[in-house]
Protein backbone atom coordinates (compact mmCIF):
# COMPACT_ATOMS: atom_id res chain seq x y z
CA MET A 1 -6.22 33.75 20.66
CA ASN A 2 -9.12 34.44 18.36
CA HIS A 3 -12.26 32.42 17.76
CA THR A 4 -10.71 30.43 14.88
CA ASP A 5 -7.76 29.31 16.99
CA PHE A 6 -10.08 27.92 19.69
CA TRP A 7 -12.17 26.18 17.04
CA THR A 8 -9.06 24.61 15.48
CA LEU A 9 -7.74 23.57 18.88
CA GLY A 10 -11.12 22.03 19.74
CA ILE A 11 -11.19 20.06 16.49
CA ILE A 12 -7.67 18.75 17.06
CA ILE A 13 -8.48 17.67 20.63
CA GLY A 14 -11.74 16.08 19.49
CA LEU A 15 -10.03 14.13 16.72
CA ALA A 16 -7.33 12.99 19.13
CA LEU A 17 -9.97 11.74 21.59
CA VAL A 18 -11.87 9.89 18.87
CA THR A 19 -8.62 8.31 17.67
CA VAL A 20 -7.59 7.19 21.16
CA LEU A 21 -11.06 5.83 21.91
CA THR A 22 -11.38 3.85 18.69
CA ARG A 23 -7.87 2.44 18.89
CA SER A 24 -8.17 1.43 22.52
CA PHE A 25 -11.71 0.03 22.23
CA PHE A 26 -10.43 -3.54 22.28
CA PHE A 27 -8.44 -2.92 25.46
CA ILE A 28 -11.25 -1.11 27.28
CA SER A 29 -13.70 -3.98 26.86
CA SER A 30 -13.38 -6.72 29.48
CA LYS A 31 -15.19 -9.25 27.30
CA SER A 32 -13.33 -11.55 24.97
CA TRP A 33 -14.75 -11.54 21.47
CA GLN A 34 -13.86 -12.57 17.95
CA LEU A 35 -14.59 -11.09 14.58
CA PRO A 36 -17.22 -12.89 12.55
CA HIS A 37 -15.88 -15.44 10.08
CA TRP A 38 -16.75 -13.28 7.07
CA ALA A 39 -14.78 -10.35 8.53
CA GLN A 40 -11.74 -12.51 9.30
CA ARG A 41 -11.82 -13.87 5.76
CA GLY A 42 -12.13 -10.39 4.29
CA LEU A 43 -9.17 -9.11 6.31
CA GLN A 44 -6.97 -11.77 4.72
CA TYR A 45 -7.28 -9.90 1.41
CA ALA A 46 -6.77 -6.39 2.79
CA PRO A 47 -2.93 -6.33 2.52
CA ILE A 48 -3.05 -7.62 -1.06
CA ALA A 49 -5.68 -5.05 -2.03
CA ALA A 50 -3.78 -2.20 -0.40
CA LEU A 51 -0.49 -3.18 -2.03
CA SER A 52 -2.18 -3.52 -5.42
CA ALA A 53 -3.81 -0.12 -5.04
CA VAL A 54 -0.40 1.45 -4.51
CA VAL A 55 1.82 -0.57 -6.87
CA VAL A 56 -0.32 -1.14 -9.97
CA PRO A 57 -0.93 2.55 -10.77
CA GLU A 58 2.83 3.16 -10.44
CA ILE A 59 3.52 0.46 -13.02
CA VAL A 60 0.87 1.24 -15.64
CA THR A 61 0.70 5.05 -15.53
CA VAL A 62 3.01 8.00 -15.99
CA GLN A 63 1.73 11.21 -14.37
CA GLY A 64 -1.82 9.81 -14.35
CA VAL A 65 -1.82 8.71 -18.00
CA LEU A 66 -1.68 5.06 -19.07
CA VAL A 67 1.63 3.86 -20.49
CA THR A 68 1.33 3.70 -24.28
CA THR A 69 4.68 2.15 -25.19
CA TRP A 70 6.18 -1.24 -24.50
CA GLN A 71 9.54 0.44 -23.85
CA ASP A 72 8.86 1.07 -20.20
CA PRO A 73 11.26 -0.72 -17.86
CA ARG A 74 8.63 -0.90 -15.11
CA LEU A 75 6.48 -3.23 -17.21
CA PHE A 76 9.34 -5.68 -17.77
CA ALA A 77 10.48 -5.48 -14.15
CA ALA A 78 6.95 -6.13 -12.89
CA VAL A 79 6.46 -9.16 -15.15
CA VAL A 80 9.83 -10.66 -14.24
CA GLY A 81 9.31 -9.88 -10.54
CA ALA A 82 5.85 -11.46 -10.51
CA GLY A 83 7.17 -14.54 -12.30
CA PHE A 84 10.03 -14.84 -9.84
CA TYR A 85 7.68 -14.48 -6.89
CA PHE A 86 5.40 -17.28 -8.13
CA TRP A 87 8.47 -19.45 -8.71
CA ARG A 88 10.30 -18.87 -5.40
CA ARG A 89 7.80 -17.16 -3.00
CA ASP A 90 10.53 -14.88 -1.65
CA VAL A 91 9.63 -11.20 -1.38
CA LEU A 92 13.16 -9.84 -0.94
CA LEU A 93 14.52 -11.77 -3.94
CA THR A 94 11.47 -10.67 -5.94
CA ILE A 95 12.31 -7.02 -5.29
CA LEU A 96 15.98 -7.58 -6.12
CA THR A 97 15.09 -9.44 -9.33
CA GLY A 98 12.69 -6.71 -10.42
CA MET A 99 15.31 -4.04 -9.76
CA ALA A 100 17.95 -6.11 -11.59
CA VAL A 101 15.70 -5.91 -14.67
CA TYR A 102 14.58 -2.31 -14.15
CA LEU A 103 17.92 -0.59 -13.59
CA PRO A 104 19.75 -1.75 -16.74
CA LEU A 105 16.73 -0.89 -18.89
CA HIS A 106 16.23 2.49 -17.25
CA LEU A 107 19.84 3.57 -16.80
CA GLY A 108 21.51 1.61 -19.59
CA LEU A 109 18.96 2.01 -22.40
CA GLY A 110 17.42 5.22 -21.09
CA TRP A 111 13.85 3.93 -21.23
């Protein structure tokens, strides 16, 4: 093994140790503790923010460029899906409804 291989191996082991330590920190501590109220409140919005960060760019862009036409089936599917979610509050049916709008527009009309 050359010098670079040992350096790479050392970095991998170091990152693994840091990962194990940070993930098991809550189990190592014998004290019971809670997050501050502001942190608990902020964590309530984390899933929504993460989902928005992934989904919204997929809806409004094509290869990194904003959609410039209304003939994009993703726009219609997203609007109908969002409306259905606010009406029924059912995630699975929201996905199915969005796909029921998307597929005919995409496959049938070729949008």
